[in-house]
PDB file of N, CA and C in Angstrom:
ATOM      1  N   MET A   1     131.087  87.846 161.005  1.00  0.00           N
ATOM      2  CA  MET A   1     130.820  86.965 159.883  1.00  0.00           C
ATOM      3  C   MET A   1     131.715  85.739 160.051  1.00  0.00           C
ATOM      4  N   ASP A   2     131.266  84.622 159.530  1.00  0.00           N
ATOM      5  CA  ASP A   2     132.106  83.434 159.622  1.00  0.00           C
ATOM      6  C   ASP A   2     132.583  83.013 158.227  1.00  0.00           C
ATOM      7  N   ALA A   3     133.567  82.118 158.217  1.00  0.00           N
ATOM      8  CA  ALA A   3     134.190  81.686 156.971  1.00  0.00           C
ATOM      9  C   ALA A   3     133.186  81.037 156.025  1.00  0.00           C
ATOM     10  N   GLU A   4     132.209  80.310 156.544  1.00  0.00           N
ATOM     11  CA  GLU A   4     131.235  79.637 155.680  1.00  0.00           C
ATOM     12  C   GLU A   4     130.389  80.637 154.901  1.00  0.00           C
ATOM     13  N   GLN A   5     130.077  81.778 155.489  1.00  0.00           N
ATOM     14  CA  GLN A   5     129.314  82.801 154.772  1.00  0.00           C
ATOM     15  C   GLN A   5     130.124  83.347 153.598  1.00  0.00           C
ATOM     16  N   ILE A   6     131.421  83.551 153.822  1.00  0.00           N
ATOM     17  CA  ILE A   6     132.280  84.051 152.748  1.00  0.00           C
ATOM     18  C   ILE A   6     132.436  82.978 151.673  1.00  0.00           C
ATOM     19  N   ARG A   7     132.613  81.728 152.085  1.00  0.00           N
ATOM     20  CA  ARG A   7     132.702  80.623 151.111  1.00  0.00           C
ATOM     21  C   ARG A   7     131.434  80.548 150.260  1.00  0.00           C
ATOM     22  N   SER A   8     130.295  80.742 150.893  1.00  0.00           N
ATOM     23  CA  SER A   8     129.020  80.677 150.186  1.00  0.00           C
ATOM     24  C   SER A   8     128.926  81.773 149.123  1.00  0.00           C
ATOM     25  N   MET A   9     129.365  82.985 149.450  1.00  0.00           N
ATOM     26  CA  MET A   9     129.341  84.069 148.463  1.00  0.00           C
ATOM     27  C   MET A   9     130.309  83.775 147.323  1.00  0.00           C
ATOM     28  N   ARG A  10     131.471  83.210 147.646  1.00  0.00           N
ATOM     29  CA  ARG A  10     132.459  82.875 146.617  1.00  0.00           C
ATOM     30  C   ARG A  10     131.941  81.773 145.695  1.00  0.00           C
ATOM     31  N   ALA A  11     131.166  80.840 146.228  1.00  0.00           N
ATOM     32  CA  ALA A  11     130.700  79.679 145.452  1.00  0.00           C
ATOM     33  C   ALA A  11     129.380  79.924 144.721  1.00  0.00           C
ATOM     34  N   ALA A  12     128.786  81.091 144.884  1.00  0.00           N
ATOM     35  CA  ALA A  12     127.490  81.369 144.250  1.00  0.00           C
ATOM     36  C   ALA A  12     127.573  81.121 142.738  1.00  0.00           C
ATOM     37  N   ASN A  13     126.504  80.536 142.204  1.00  0.00           N
ATOM     38  CA  ASN A  13     126.451  80.256 140.775  1.00  0.00           C
ATOM     39  C   ASN A  13     125.140  80.788 140.213  1.00  0.00           C
ATOM     40  N   PRO A  14     125.162  81.869 139.445  1.00  0.00           N
ATOM     41  CA  PRO A  14     126.367  82.525 138.965  1.00  0.00           C
ATOM     42  C   PRO A  14     127.016  83.365 140.072  1.00  0.00           C
ATOM     43  N   PHE A  15     128.320  83.565 139.947  1.00  0.00           N
ATOM     44  CA  PHE A  15     129.052  84.387 140.905  1.00  0.00           C
ATOM     45  C   PHE A  15     128.587  85.826 140.800  1.00  0.00           C
ATOM     46  N   ARG A  16     128.414  86.464 141.952  1.00  0.00           N
ATOM     47  CA  ARG A  16     128.072  87.892 142.000  1.00  0.00           C
ATOM     48  C   ARG A  16     129.156  88.601 142.799  1.00  0.00           C
ATOM     49  N   PRO A  17     129.797  89.625 142.216  1.00  0.00           N
ATOM     50  CA  PRO A  17     130.839  90.354 142.942  1.00  0.00           C
ATOM     51  C   PRO A  17     130.294  90.885 144.274  1.00  0.00           C
ATOM     52  N   PHE A  18     131.167  90.908 145.278  1.00  0.00           N
ATOM     53  CA  PHE A  18     130.742  91.397 146.589  1.00  0.00           C
ATOM     54  C   PHE A  18     131.840  92.208 147.254  1.00  0.00           C
ATOM     55  N   ARG A  19     131.448  92.971 148.252  1.00  0.00           N
ATOM     56  CA  ARG A  19     132.359  93.831 149.010  1.00  0.00           C
ATOM     57  C   ARG A  19     132.338  93.376 150.462  1.00  0.00           C
ATOM     58  N   LEU A  20     133.517  93.258 151.043  1.00  0.00           N
ATOM     59  CA  LEU A  20     133.649  92.948 152.464  1.00  0.00           C
ATOM     60  C   LEU A  20     134.073  94.216 153.194  1.00  0.00           C
ATOM     61  N   TRP A  21     133.325  94.578 154.221  1.00  0.00           N
ATOM     62  CA  TRP A  21     133.635  95.727 155.064  1.00  0.00           C
ATOM     63  C   TRP A  21     134.213  95.205 156.374  1.00  0.00           C
ATOM     64  N   LEU A  22     135.419  95.649 156.714  1.00  0.00           N
ATOM     65  CA  LEU A  22     136.035  95.221 157.959  1.00  0.00           C
ATOM     66  C   LEU A  22     135.687  96.183 159.085  1.00  0.00           C
ATOM     67  N   LYS A  23     135.772  95.695 160.302  1.00  0.00           N
ATOM     68  CA  LYS A  23     135.441  96.502 161.477  1.00  0.00           C
ATOM     69  C   LYS A  23     136.352  97.720 161.617  1.00  0.00           C
ATOM     70  N   ASP A  24     137.563  97.655 161.052  1.00  0.00           N
ATOM     71  CA  ASP A  24     138.485  98.789 161.149  1.00  0.00           C
ATOM     72  C   ASP A  24     138.260  99.826 160.044  1.00  0.00           C
ATOM     73  N   GLY A  25     137.233  99.625 159.211  1.00  0.00           N
ATOM     74  CA  GLY A  25     136.887 100.594 158.178  1.00  0.00           C
ATOM     75  C   GLY A  25     137.395 100.241 156.786  1.00  0.00           C
ATOM     76  N   ARG A  26     138.308  99.288 156.685  1.00  0.00           N
ATOM     77  CA  ARG A  26     138.785  98.890 155.353  1.00  0.00           C
ATOM     78  C   ARG A  26     137.675  98.149 154.609  1.00  0.00           C
ATOM     79  N   GLN A  27     137.752  98.201 153.289  1.00  0.00           N
ATOM     80  CA  GLN A  27     136.799  97.469 152.463  1.00  0.00           C
ATOM     81  C   GLN A  27     137.554  96.812 151.317  1.00  0.00           C
ATOM     82  N   PHE A  28     137.061  95.647 150.912  1.00  0.00           N
ATOM     83  CA  PHE A  28     137.688  94.881 149.841  1.00  0.00           C
ATOM     84  C   PHE A  28     136.621  94.424 148.865  1.00  0.00           C
ATOM     85  N   ASP A  29     136.824  94.734 147.591  1.00  0.00           N
ATOM     86  CA  ASP A  29     135.922  94.275 146.546  1.00  0.00           C
ATOM     87  C   ASP A  29     136.423  92.941 146.015  1.00  0.00           C
ATOM     88  N   VAL A  30     135.541  91.963 145.977  1.00  0.00           N
ATOM     89  CA  VAL A  30     135.855  90.643 145.430  1.00  0.00           C
ATOM     90  C   VAL A  30     135.120  90.560 144.095  1.00  0.00           C
ATOM     91  N   LEU A  31     135.863  90.787 143.018  1.00  0.00           N
ATOM     92  CA  LEU A  31     135.251  90.874 141.695  1.00  0.00           C
ATOM     93  C   LEU A  31     135.210  89.540 140.963  1.00  0.00           C
ATOM     94  N   ARG A  32     136.015  88.581 141.419  1.00  0.00           N
ATOM     95  CA  ARG A  32     136.053  87.233 140.838  1.00  0.00           C
ATOM     96  C   ARG A  32     136.250  86.232 141.972  1.00  0.00           C
ATOM     97  N   PRO A  33     135.737  85.023 141.818  1.00  0.00           N
ATOM     98  CA  PRO A  33     135.886  84.033 142.891  1.00  0.00           C
ATOM     99  C   PRO A  33     137.339  83.767 143.273  1.00  0.00           C
ATOM    100  N   LEU A  34     138.239  83.848 142.305  1.00  0.00           N
ATOM    101  CA  LEU A  34     139.645  83.577 142.593  1.00  0.00           C
ATOM    102  C   LEU A  34     140.333  84.713 143.351  1.00  0.00           C
ATOM    103  N   HIS A  35     139.634  85.815 143.571  1.00  0.00           N
ATOM    104  CA  HIS A  35     140.213  86.940 144.311  1.00  0.00           C
ATOM    105  C   HIS A  35     140.105  86.775 145.820  1.00  0.00           C
ATOM    106  N   VAL A  36     139.488  85.691 146.276  1.00  0.00           N
ATOM    107  CA  VAL A  36     139.367  85.458 147.718  1.00  0.00           C
ATOM    108  C   VAL A  36     139.686  83.990 148.019  1.00  0.00           C
ATOM    109  N   ALA A  37     140.430  83.792 149.101  1.00  0.00           N
ATOM    110  CA  ALA A  37     140.753  82.435 149.555  1.00  0.00           C
ATOM    111  C   ALA A  37     140.475  82.368 151.049  1.00  0.00           C
ATOM    112  N   ILE A  38     140.020  81.224 151.494  1.00  0.00           N
ATOM    113  CA  ILE A  38     139.718  81.013 152.913  1.00  0.00           C
ATOM    114  C   ILE A  38     140.514  79.813 153.379  1.00  0.00           C
ATOM    115  N   ALA A  39     141.219  79.975 154.490  1.00  0.00           N
ATOM    116  CA  ALA A  39     141.983  78.865 155.040  1.00  0.00           C
ATOM    117  C   ALA A  39     141.056  77.681 155.274  1.00  0.00           C
ATOM    118  N   GLU A  40     141.580  76.481 155.090  1.00  0.00           N
ATOM    119  CA  GLU A  40     140.770  75.270 155.239  1.00  0.00           C
ATOM    120  C   GLU A  40     140.066  75.218 156.594  1.00  0.00           C
ATOM    121  N   ASN A  41     140.748  75.676 157.647  1.00  0.00           N
ATOM    122  CA  ASN A  41     140.143  75.655 158.983  1.00  0.00           C
ATOM    123  C   ASN A  41     139.273  76.889 159.246  1.00  0.00           C
ATOM    124  N   GLY A  42     139.181  77.803 158.264  1.00  0.00           N
ATOM    125  CA  GLY A  42     138.311  78.967 158.383  1.00  0.00           C
ATOM    126  C   GLY A  42     138.861  80.096 159.222  1.00  0.00           C
ATOM    127  N   SER A  43     140.122  80.014 159.603  1.00  0.00           N
ATOM    128  CA  SER A  43     140.671  81.015 160.522  1.00  0.00           C
ATOM    129  C   SER A  43     141.141  82.296 159.850  1.00  0.00           C
ATOM    130  N   ARG A  44     141.429  82.249 158.557  1.00  0.00           N
ATOM    131  CA  ARG A  44     141.962  83.410 157.849  1.00  0.00           C
ATOM    132  C   ARG A  44     141.336  83.532 156.470  1.00  0.00           C
ATOM    133  N   VAL A  45     141.246  84.780 156.012  1.00  0.00           N
ATOM    134  CA  VAL A  45     140.734  85.094 154.676  1.00  0.00           C
ATOM    135  C   VAL A  45     141.816  85.898 153.959  1.00  0.00           C
ATOM    136  N   LEU A  46     142.040  85.592 152.704  1.00  0.00           N
ATOM    137  CA  LEU A  46     142.985  86.336 151.875  1.00  0.00           C
ATOM    138  C   LEU A  46     142.203  86.938 150.718  1.00  0.00           C
ATOM    139  N   VAL A  47     142.349  88.254 150.534  1.00  0.00           N
ATOM    140  CA  VAL A  47     141.698  88.925 149.408  1.00  0.00           C
ATOM    141  C   VAL A  47     142.776  89.588 148.563  1.00  0.00           C
ATOM    142  N   ALA A  48     142.793  89.265 147.280  1.00  0.00           N
ATOM    143  CA  ALA A  48     143.679  89.928 146.327  1.00  0.00           C
ATOM    144  C   ALA A  48     142.976  91.187 145.863  1.00  0.00           C
ATOM    145  N   SER A  49     143.568  92.335 146.169  1.00  0.00           N
ATOM    146  CA  SER A  49     142.883  93.591 145.861  1.00  0.00           C
ATOM    147  C   SER A  49     143.634  94.438 144.842  1.00  0.00           C
ATOM    148  N   GLY A  50     144.520  93.823 144.122  1.00  0.00           N
ATOM    149  CA  GLY A  50     145.270  94.510 143.077  1.00  0.00           C
ATOM    150  C   GLY A  50     146.221  93.523 142.451  1.00  0.00           C
ATOM    151  N   SER A  51     146.939  93.961 141.460  1.00  0.00           N
ATOM    152  CA  SER A  51     147.828  93.030 140.771  1.00  0.00           C
ATOM    153  C   SER A  51     148.949  92.529 141.668  1.00  0.00           C
ATOM    154  N   GLU A  52     149.333  93.299 142.671  1.00  0.00           N
ATOM    155  CA  GLU A  52     150.406  92.886 143.570  1.00  0.00           C
ATOM    156  C   GLU A  52     150.058  93.101 145.033  1.00  0.00           C
ATOM    157  N   THR A  53     148.788  93.242 145.346  1.00  0.00           N
ATOM    158  CA  THR A  53     148.373  93.530 146.712  1.00  0.00           C
ATOM    159  C   THR A  53     147.398  92.471 147.205  1.00  0.00           C
ATOM    160  N   ALA A  54     147.647  91.994 148.404  1.00  0.00           N
ATOM    161  CA  ALA A  54     146.741  91.032 149.031  1.00  0.00           C
ATOM    162  C   ALA A  54     146.698  91.333 150.522  1.00  0.00           C
ATOM    163  N   SER A  55     145.578  91.039 151.142  1.00  0.00           N
ATOM    164  CA  SER A  55     145.415  91.291 152.573  1.00  0.00           C
ATOM    165  C   SER A  55     144.854  90.065 153.263  1.00  0.00           C
ATOM    166  N   TRP A  56     145.415  89.753 154.423  1.00  0.00           N
ATOM    167  CA  TRP A  56     144.937  88.664 155.273  1.00  0.00           C
ATOM    168  C   TRP A  56     144.157  89.251 156.425  1.00  0.00           C
ATOM    169  N   PHE A  57     143.087  88.589 156.828  1.00  0.00           N
ATOM    170  CA  PHE A  57     142.345  88.990 158.025  1.00  0.00           C
ATOM    171  C   PHE A  57     141.506  87.817 158.499  1.00  0.00           C
ATOM    172  N   SER A  58     140.984  87.945 159.689  1.00  0.00           N
ATOM    173  CA  SER A  58     140.131  86.911 160.264  1.00  0.00           C
ATOM    174  C   SER A  58     138.689  87.138 159.816  1.00  0.00           C
ATOM    175  N   PRO A  59     137.920  86.086 159.590  1.00  0.00           N
ATOM    176  CA  PRO A  59     136.505  86.278 159.240  1.00  0.00           C
ATOM    177  C   PRO A  59     135.762  87.093 160.300  1.00  0.00           C
ATOM    178  N   GLU A  60     136.187  86.995 161.543  1.00  0.00           N
ATOM    179  CA  GLU A  60     135.547  87.752 162.617  1.00  0.00           C
ATOM    180  C   GLU A  60     135.787  89.253 162.485  1.00  0.00           C
ATOM    181  N   ASP A  61     136.791  89.641 161.671  1.00  0.00           N
ATOM    182  CA  ASP A  61     137.067  91.063 161.428  1.00  0.00           C
ATOM    183  C   ASP A  61     136.076  91.681 160.444  1.00  0.00           C
ATOM    184  N   VAL A  62     135.278  90.850 159.772  1.00  0.00           N
ATOM    185  CA  VAL A  62     134.334  91.341 158.764  1.00  0.00           C
ATOM    186  C   VAL A  62     133.057  91.817 159.466  1.00  0.00           C
ATOM    187  N   ALA A  63     132.764  93.103 159.287  1.00  0.00           N
ATOM    188  CA  ALA A  63     131.570  93.697 159.897  1.00  0.00           C
ATOM    189  C   ALA A  63     130.343  93.482 159.024  1.00  0.00           C
ATOM    190  N   ALA A  64     130.538  93.501 157.698  1.00  0.00           N
ATOM    191  CA  ALA A  64     129.399  93.376 156.781  1.00  0.00           C
ATOM    192  C   ALA A  64     129.886  92.957 155.406  1.00  0.00           C
ATOM    193  N   ALA A  65     128.964  92.445 154.624  1.00  0.00           N
ATOM    194  CA  ALA A  65     129.226  92.095 153.231  1.00  0.00           C
ATOM    195  C   ALA A  65     128.034  92.539 152.413  1.00  0.00           C
ATOM    196  N   GLU A  66     128.303  92.971 151.191  1.00  0.00           N
ATOM    197  CA  GLU A  66     127.216  93.384 150.310  1.00  0.00           C
ATOM    198  C   GLU A  66     127.555  93.022 148.882  1.00  0.00           C
ATOM    199  N   MET A  67     126.546  92.732 148.101  1.00  0.00           N
ATOM    200  CA  MET A  67     126.738  92.478 146.689  1.00  0.00           C
ATOM    201  C   MET A  67     127.042  93.819 146.012  1.00  0.00           C
ATOM    202  N   ILE A  68     127.919  93.784 145.031  1.00  0.00           N
ATOM    203  CA  ILE A  68     128.256  94.996 144.288  1.00  0.00           C
ATOM    204  C   ILE A  68     127.316  95.071 143.093  1.00  0.00           C
ATOM    205  N   VAL A  69     126.596  96.153 143.003  1.00  0.00           N
ATOM    206  CA  VAL A  69     125.672  96.369 141.901  1.00  0.00           C
ATOM    207  C   VAL A  69     126.300  97.405 140.987  1.00  0.00           C
ATOM    208  N   HIS A  70     126.584  96.990 139.761  1.00  0.00           N
ATOM    209  CA  HIS A  70     127.173  97.914 138.796  1.00  0.00           C
ATOM    210  C   HIS A  70     126.060  98.763 138.192  1.00  0.00           C
ATOM    211  N   PRO A  71     126.256 100.068 138.159  1.00  0.00           N
ATOM    212  CA  PRO A  71     125.208 100.928 137.607  1.00  0.00           C
ATOM    213  C   PRO A  71     124.986 100.658 136.125  1.00  0.00           C
ATOM    214  N   THR A  72     123.764 100.801 135.709  1.00  0.00           N
ATOM    215  CA  THR A  72     123.398 100.654 134.309  1.00  0.00           C
ATOM    216  C   THR A  72     123.766 101.944 133.578  1.00  0.00           C
ATOM    217  N   PRO A  73     124.383 101.864 132.408  1.00  0.00           N
ATOM    218  CA  PRO A  73     124.714 103.088 131.666  1.00  0.00           C
ATOM    219  C   PRO A  73     123.468 103.934 131.415  1.00  0.00           C
ATOM    220  N   ILE A  74     123.621 105.242 131.472  1.00  0.00           N
ATOM    221  CA  ILE A  74     122.493 106.163 131.325  1.00  0.00           C
ATOM    222  C   ILE A  74     121.762 105.946 130.001  1.00  0.00           C
ATOM    223  N   LEU A  75     122.502 105.791 128.892  1.00  0.00           N
ATOM    224  CA  LEU A  75     121.843 105.622 127.590  1.00  0.00           C
ATOM    225  C   LEU A  75     120.987 104.361 127.573  1.00  0.00           C
ATOM    226  N   ALA A  76     121.443 103.313 128.164  1.00  0.00           N
ATOM    227  CA  ALA A  76     120.669 102.071 128.187  1.00  0.00           C
ATOM    228  C   ALA A  76     119.419 102.257 129.037  1.00  0.00           C
ATOM    229  N   ARG A  77     119.521 102.990 130.142  1.00  0.00           N
ATOM    230  CA  ARG A  77     118.364 103.230 131.010  1.00  0.00           C
ATOM    231  C   ARG A  77     117.307 104.045 130.299  1.00  0.00           C
ATOM    232  N   GLU A  78     117.767 105.046 129.526  1.00  0.00           N
ATOM    233  CA  GLU A  78     116.821 105.941 128.870  1.00  0.00           C
ATOM    234  C   GLU A  78     116.305 105.357 127.552  1.00  0.00           C
ATOM    235  N   GLY A  79     116.826 104.216 127.155  1.00  0.00           N
ATOM    236  CA  GLY A  79     116.376 103.582 125.911  1.00  0.00           C
ATOM    237  C   GLY A  79     116.723 104.419 124.700  1.00  0.00           C
ATOM    238  N   ALA A  80     118.018 104.625 124.493  1.00  0.00           N
ATOM    239  CA  ALA A  80     118.488 105.459 123.380  1.00  0.00           C
ATOM    240  C   ALA A  80     117.819 105.035 122.075  1.00  0.00           C
ATOM    241  N   ALA A  81     117.270 106.005 121.412  1.00  0.00           N
ATOM    242  CA  ALA A  81     116.564 105.715 120.167  1.00  0.00           C
ATOM    243  C   ALA A  81     117.179 106.450 119.011  1.00  0.00           C
TER     244      ALA A  81
END
């Protein structure tokens, strides 16, 4: 994956949360646009994955990305009456 693809997901309007899967098996959920930063030259990505945790990696380390779909509550699906 390249930095522009990640920038595009971050800039989506409306923003949709997404997950980045790294080639080493790690995964990072990006729940808000401010949770991910990309170096101006596109060489590094920073993901804040907790209140005090952040990880740096290269865009080339990203194996896949997917939108996070939050499940609909069961009562809403069944049309609680």
